[in-house]
Protein backbone atom coordinates (compact mmCIF):
# COMPACT_ATOMS: atom_id res chain seq x y z
CA MET A 1 -2.73 -36.65 3.56
CA SER A 2 -5.52 -38.94 2.54
CA SER A 3 -4.81 -42.07 0.60
CA VAL A 4 -6.78 -40.73 -2.37
CA LEU A 5 -4.73 -37.55 -2.57
CA GLY A 6 -1.58 -39.58 -2.11
CA TRP A 7 -2.47 -41.81 -5.04
CA VAL A 8 -3.29 -38.81 -7.21
CA LEU A 9 0.14 -37.40 -6.52
CA VAL A 10 1.86 -40.74 -7.12
CA PHE A 11 0.13 -41.25 -10.45
CA ALA A 12 0.73 -37.66 -11.52
CA LEU A 13 4.41 -37.74 -10.65
CA ASP A 14 4.96 -41.30 -11.91
CA GLY A 15 3.37 -40.48 -15.26
CA GLY A 16 5.58 -37.44 -15.71
CA VAL A 17 2.65 -35.07 -15.28
CA GLN A 18 3.68 -31.67 -13.99
CA LEU A 19 1.38 -30.26 -11.35
CA THR A 20 0.61 -26.60 -11.85
CA ALA A 21 0.47 -24.10 -9.03
CA GLU A 22 -3.32 -24.28 -9.30
CA ASP A 23 -3.24 -28.09 -8.99
CA ARG A 24 -1.09 -27.83 -5.86
CA GLU A 25 -3.43 -25.21 -4.40
CA VAL A 26 -6.44 -27.47 -5.00
CA ILE A 27 -4.67 -30.38 -3.31
CA GLU A 28 -3.70 -28.19 -0.35
CA ASN A 29 -7.29 -26.96 -0.02
CA LEU A 30 -8.60 -30.52 -0.14
CA GLU A 31 -6.13 -31.49 2.57
CA LEU A 32 -7.27 -28.54 4.67
CA LEU A 33 -10.92 -29.51 4.26
CA GLN A 34 -10.07 -33.06 5.23
CA ASP A 35 -8.22 -31.84 8.34
CA LEU A 36 -11.20 -29.67 9.30
CA ASP A 37 -13.52 -32.65 8.85
CA SER A 38 -11.26 -34.76 11.07
CA ALA A 39 -11.24 -32.04 13.72
CA ALA A 40 -15.03 -31.88 13.63
CA ASP A 41 -15.18 -35.65 14.11
CA LEU A 42 -12.87 -35.38 17.12
CA GLU A 43 -14.99 -32.61 18.63
CA LEU A 44 -18.10 -34.74 18.22
CA LEU A 45 -16.40 -37.70 19.90
CA GLU A 46 -15.32 -35.47 22.79
CA GLU A 47 -18.88 -34.18 23.21
CA LEU A 48 -20.25 -37.72 23.20
CA ALA A 49 -17.66 -38.82 25.76
CA VAL A 50 -18.61 -35.95 28.10
CA GLU A 51 -22.31 -36.81 27.82
CA ARG A 52 -21.69 -40.35 29.11
């Protein structure tokens, strides 16, 4: 989980804010997008390493 999403959760839970199912779904989707972005970065690094 990214540090930004982690802080959002900490502040939400610390402040007594209840996350709705929709909020959780948005956070999960953001995490998925971040994971996909990380995977794309790794693929690019692998391609660059092969080209050397």
